N, C-alpha and C. Protein backbone atom coordinates (compact mmCIF):
# COMPACT_ATOMS: atom_id res chain seq x y z
N MET A 1 -18.86 -35.49 -145.73
CA MET A 1 -18.45 -36.87 -145.51
C MET A 1 -17.10 -36.88 -144.80
N PRO A 2 -16.94 -37.69 -143.75
CA PRO A 2 -15.67 -37.73 -143.02
C PRO A 2 -14.57 -38.38 -143.85
N ASN A 3 -13.33 -38.05 -143.47
CA ASN A 3 -12.17 -38.68 -144.08
C ASN A 3 -12.21 -40.17 -143.73
N GLU A 4 -12.19 -41.02 -144.71
CA GLU A 4 -12.38 -42.45 -144.48
C GLU A 4 -11.19 -43.13 -143.81
N SER A 5 -10.04 -42.51 -143.76
CA SER A 5 -8.86 -43.18 -143.21
C SER A 5 -9.03 -43.56 -141.75
N HIS A 6 -9.73 -42.76 -140.95
CA HIS A 6 -9.92 -43.13 -139.55
C HIS A 6 -11.19 -43.95 -139.33
N LEU A 7 -12.07 -44.00 -140.32
CA LEU A 7 -13.29 -44.81 -140.19
C LEU A 7 -12.98 -46.31 -140.22
N ILE A 8 -11.90 -46.67 -140.86
CA ILE A 8 -11.54 -48.08 -140.97
C ILE A 8 -11.35 -48.73 -139.60
N SER A 9 -10.83 -47.98 -138.65
CA SER A 9 -10.53 -48.55 -137.33
C SER A 9 -11.62 -48.29 -136.29
N GLU A 10 -12.69 -47.62 -136.66
CA GLU A 10 -13.81 -47.42 -135.73
C GLU A 10 -14.82 -48.55 -135.93
N TYR A 11 -15.49 -48.91 -134.84
CA TYR A 11 -16.53 -49.92 -134.99
C TYR A 11 -17.60 -49.74 -133.92
N MET A 12 -18.77 -50.27 -134.21
CA MET A 12 -19.88 -50.24 -133.26
C MET A 12 -19.87 -51.53 -132.45
N LEU A 13 -20.05 -51.39 -131.16
CA LEU A 13 -20.20 -52.53 -130.26
C LEU A 13 -21.69 -52.58 -129.93
N GLY A 14 -22.42 -53.41 -130.64
CA GLY A 14 -23.88 -53.39 -130.55
C GLY A 14 -24.39 -52.17 -131.30
N ASP A 15 -25.53 -51.66 -130.85
CA ASP A 15 -26.15 -50.51 -131.51
C ASP A 15 -25.83 -49.18 -130.84
N ASP A 16 -25.24 -49.22 -129.65
CA ASP A 16 -25.16 -48.00 -128.84
C ASP A 16 -23.78 -47.58 -128.38
N ILE A 17 -22.75 -48.31 -128.74
CA ILE A 17 -21.40 -47.96 -128.31
C ILE A 17 -20.48 -47.91 -129.53
N LEU A 18 -19.79 -46.78 -129.69
CA LEU A 18 -18.82 -46.63 -130.76
C LEU A 18 -17.43 -46.71 -130.14
N VAL A 19 -16.57 -47.56 -130.69
CA VAL A 19 -15.22 -47.74 -130.20
C VAL A 19 -14.24 -47.26 -131.26
N ALA A 20 -13.23 -46.50 -130.84
CA ALA A 20 -12.28 -45.92 -131.79
C ALA A 20 -10.85 -46.09 -131.27
N PRO A 21 -10.32 -47.31 -131.33
CA PRO A 21 -8.98 -47.55 -130.79
C PRO A 21 -7.89 -46.87 -131.62
N VAL A 22 -6.78 -46.59 -130.97
CA VAL A 22 -5.61 -46.07 -131.68
C VAL A 22 -4.90 -47.25 -132.32
N VAL A 23 -4.66 -47.16 -133.61
CA VAL A 23 -4.03 -48.27 -134.32
C VAL A 23 -2.72 -47.85 -135.00
N GLN A 24 -2.37 -46.59 -134.88
CA GLN A 24 -1.13 -46.10 -135.48
C GLN A 24 -0.03 -46.14 -134.43
N ASP A 25 1.06 -46.79 -134.74
CA ASP A 25 2.18 -46.92 -133.83
C ASP A 25 2.68 -45.55 -133.37
N GLY A 26 2.78 -45.37 -132.05
CA GLY A 26 3.30 -44.13 -131.48
C GLY A 26 2.29 -43.00 -131.34
N ALA A 27 1.09 -43.18 -131.83
CA ALA A 27 0.08 -42.10 -131.76
C ALA A 27 -0.43 -41.92 -130.34
N VAL A 28 -0.71 -40.68 -129.97
CA VAL A 28 -1.30 -40.37 -128.67
C VAL A 28 -2.64 -39.65 -128.82
N SER A 29 -3.08 -39.52 -130.08
CA SER A 29 -4.39 -38.94 -130.36
C SER A 29 -4.85 -39.49 -131.71
N ARG A 30 -6.12 -39.25 -132.02
CA ARG A 30 -6.67 -39.69 -133.30
C ARG A 30 -7.91 -38.88 -133.62
N ASP A 31 -8.32 -38.91 -134.87
CA ASP A 31 -9.57 -38.31 -135.28
C ASP A 31 -10.67 -39.36 -135.13
N ILE A 32 -11.82 -38.92 -134.65
CA ILE A 32 -12.94 -39.84 -134.42
C ILE A 32 -14.19 -39.23 -135.04
N TYR A 33 -14.87 -40.02 -135.86
CA TYR A 33 -16.13 -39.60 -136.46
C TYR A 33 -17.29 -40.17 -135.65
N LEU A 34 -18.16 -39.29 -135.17
CA LEU A 34 -19.37 -39.70 -134.47
C LEU A 34 -20.56 -39.46 -135.39
N PRO A 35 -21.35 -40.50 -135.67
CA PRO A 35 -22.52 -40.33 -136.54
C PRO A 35 -23.61 -39.50 -135.87
N ARG A 36 -24.68 -39.31 -136.60
CA ARG A 36 -25.82 -38.52 -136.11
C ARG A 36 -26.29 -39.01 -134.75
N GLY A 37 -26.59 -38.06 -133.88
CA GLY A 37 -27.09 -38.37 -132.55
C GLY A 37 -26.27 -37.66 -131.49
N VAL A 38 -26.65 -37.87 -130.24
CA VAL A 38 -25.92 -37.31 -129.11
C VAL A 38 -25.11 -38.44 -128.48
N TRP A 39 -23.81 -38.20 -128.32
CA TRP A 39 -22.87 -39.20 -127.83
C TRP A 39 -22.20 -38.70 -126.55
N VAL A 40 -21.92 -39.62 -125.63
CA VAL A 40 -21.24 -39.28 -124.38
C VAL A 40 -19.94 -40.07 -124.34
N ALA A 41 -18.85 -39.36 -124.07
CA ALA A 41 -17.54 -40.02 -123.99
C ALA A 41 -17.52 -40.99 -122.81
N GLY A 42 -16.92 -42.14 -123.01
CA GLY A 42 -16.85 -43.16 -121.98
C GLY A 42 -15.66 -43.02 -121.06
N ASP A 43 -15.08 -41.83 -121.00
CA ASP A 43 -13.88 -41.61 -120.19
C ASP A 43 -14.16 -41.20 -118.76
N GLY A 44 -15.44 -41.17 -118.37
CA GLY A 44 -15.81 -40.79 -117.01
C GLY A 44 -16.05 -39.30 -116.83
N GLN A 45 -15.76 -38.50 -117.84
CA GLN A 45 -15.97 -37.05 -117.75
C GLN A 45 -17.38 -36.64 -118.14
N GLY A 46 -18.07 -37.47 -118.94
CA GLY A 46 -19.44 -37.18 -119.33
C GLY A 46 -19.59 -36.12 -120.41
N GLN A 47 -18.52 -35.83 -121.14
CA GLN A 47 -18.58 -34.84 -122.22
C GLN A 47 -19.54 -35.32 -123.31
N GLU A 48 -20.44 -34.45 -123.73
CA GLU A 48 -21.41 -34.78 -124.78
C GLU A 48 -20.99 -34.17 -126.11
N TYR A 49 -21.27 -34.89 -127.18
CA TYR A 49 -20.99 -34.44 -128.54
C TYR A 49 -22.22 -34.69 -129.39
N VAL A 50 -22.56 -33.73 -130.25
CA VAL A 50 -23.71 -33.88 -131.14
C VAL A 50 -23.18 -34.16 -132.54
N GLY A 51 -23.55 -35.34 -133.06
CA GLY A 51 -23.10 -35.74 -134.39
C GLY A 51 -24.13 -35.45 -135.44
N PRO A 52 -23.74 -35.48 -136.67
CA PRO A 52 -22.45 -35.96 -137.11
C PRO A 52 -21.35 -34.94 -136.87
N VAL A 53 -20.22 -35.42 -136.36
CA VAL A 53 -19.09 -34.55 -136.08
C VAL A 53 -17.80 -35.38 -136.09
N THR A 54 -16.71 -34.74 -136.51
CA THR A 54 -15.41 -35.37 -136.42
C THR A 54 -14.64 -34.70 -135.30
N LEU A 55 -14.22 -35.48 -134.33
CA LEU A 55 -13.39 -34.97 -133.23
C LEU A 55 -11.94 -35.08 -133.70
N THR A 56 -11.28 -33.95 -133.84
CA THR A 56 -9.92 -33.91 -134.36
C THR A 56 -8.92 -33.98 -133.22
N ASN A 57 -7.92 -34.84 -133.37
CA ASN A 57 -6.87 -35.00 -132.37
C ASN A 57 -7.40 -35.32 -130.98
N TYR A 58 -8.37 -36.21 -130.91
CA TYR A 58 -8.94 -36.64 -129.63
C TYR A 58 -7.85 -37.40 -128.85
N ALA A 59 -7.60 -37.00 -127.62
CA ALA A 59 -6.54 -37.61 -126.81
C ALA A 59 -6.79 -39.10 -126.62
N ALA A 60 -5.79 -39.89 -126.96
CA ALA A 60 -5.92 -41.35 -126.86
C ALA A 60 -4.55 -41.98 -126.65
N PRO A 61 -3.99 -41.84 -125.44
CA PRO A 61 -2.71 -42.48 -125.19
C PRO A 61 -2.84 -44.00 -125.27
N LEU A 62 -1.73 -44.67 -125.31
CA LEU A 62 -1.70 -46.11 -125.53
C LEU A 62 -2.58 -46.89 -124.56
N ASN A 63 -2.70 -46.43 -123.32
CA ASN A 63 -3.47 -47.17 -122.31
C ASN A 63 -4.96 -46.81 -122.30
N VAL A 64 -5.43 -46.06 -123.30
CA VAL A 64 -6.83 -45.64 -123.35
C VAL A 64 -7.43 -46.04 -124.70
N VAL A 65 -8.60 -46.68 -124.66
CA VAL A 65 -9.36 -46.96 -125.88
C VAL A 65 -10.57 -46.04 -125.86
N PRO A 66 -10.60 -45.03 -126.72
CA PRO A 66 -11.75 -44.13 -126.75
C PRO A 66 -13.03 -44.86 -127.15
N TYR A 67 -14.09 -44.61 -126.40
CA TYR A 67 -15.39 -45.15 -126.75
C TYR A 67 -16.47 -44.16 -126.33
N PHE A 68 -17.61 -44.26 -126.99
CA PHE A 68 -18.69 -43.31 -126.81
C PHE A 68 -20.02 -44.06 -126.76
N PHE A 69 -20.88 -43.66 -125.82
CA PHE A 69 -22.22 -44.22 -125.70
C PHE A 69 -23.22 -43.28 -126.35
N LYS A 70 -24.26 -43.84 -126.95
CA LYS A 70 -25.40 -42.99 -127.30
C LYS A 70 -25.95 -42.46 -125.99
N LYS A 71 -26.37 -41.21 -125.97
CA LYS A 71 -26.79 -40.57 -124.72
C LYS A 71 -27.90 -41.35 -124.02
N THR A 72 -28.86 -41.86 -124.75
CA THR A 72 -29.96 -42.59 -124.12
C THR A 72 -29.44 -43.83 -123.39
N THR A 73 -28.48 -44.50 -123.95
CA THR A 73 -27.88 -45.67 -123.31
C THR A 73 -27.09 -45.26 -122.09
N PHE A 74 -26.33 -44.17 -122.19
CA PHE A 74 -25.54 -43.67 -121.08
C PHE A 74 -26.45 -43.36 -119.89
N GLU A 75 -27.59 -42.73 -120.15
CA GLU A 75 -28.52 -42.38 -119.07
C GLU A 75 -29.10 -43.65 -118.43
N LYS A 76 -29.38 -44.67 -119.22
CA LYS A 76 -29.88 -45.94 -118.67
C LYS A 76 -28.82 -46.58 -117.78
N LEU A 77 -27.56 -46.54 -118.21
CA LEU A 77 -26.48 -47.14 -117.43
C LEU A 77 -26.28 -46.41 -116.11
N LYS A 78 -26.50 -45.08 -116.10
CA LYS A 78 -26.37 -44.32 -114.86
C LYS A 78 -27.39 -44.79 -113.83
N LEU A 79 -28.57 -45.21 -114.28
CA LEU A 79 -29.60 -45.69 -113.36
C LEU A 79 -29.13 -46.94 -112.62
N PHE A 80 -28.36 -47.78 -113.30
CA PHE A 80 -27.89 -49.02 -112.69
C PHE A 80 -26.69 -48.81 -111.76
N SER A 81 -26.04 -47.65 -111.85
CA SER A 81 -24.85 -47.43 -111.03
C SER A 81 -25.17 -46.79 -109.69
N VAL A 82 -26.44 -46.55 -109.41
CA VAL A 82 -26.84 -45.92 -108.14
C VAL A 82 -26.83 -46.94 -107.03
């Protein structure tokens, strides 16, 4: 079971996008829990993660809101960007 302290600030946007904003003053990284499934980072790099997994010290400077797509949704969105 993940540490619940960082789960409080994570939320789902619909069924396919997980958002994990930085809420601690001065923080430039955070821990992020990804539930079961394959997730793709929304940072444009396309890094995939297989959950359940906790990403420790995930880079998240003040101007970045970390978010992750379920892989199936990410692949559908790529079809529309052509």
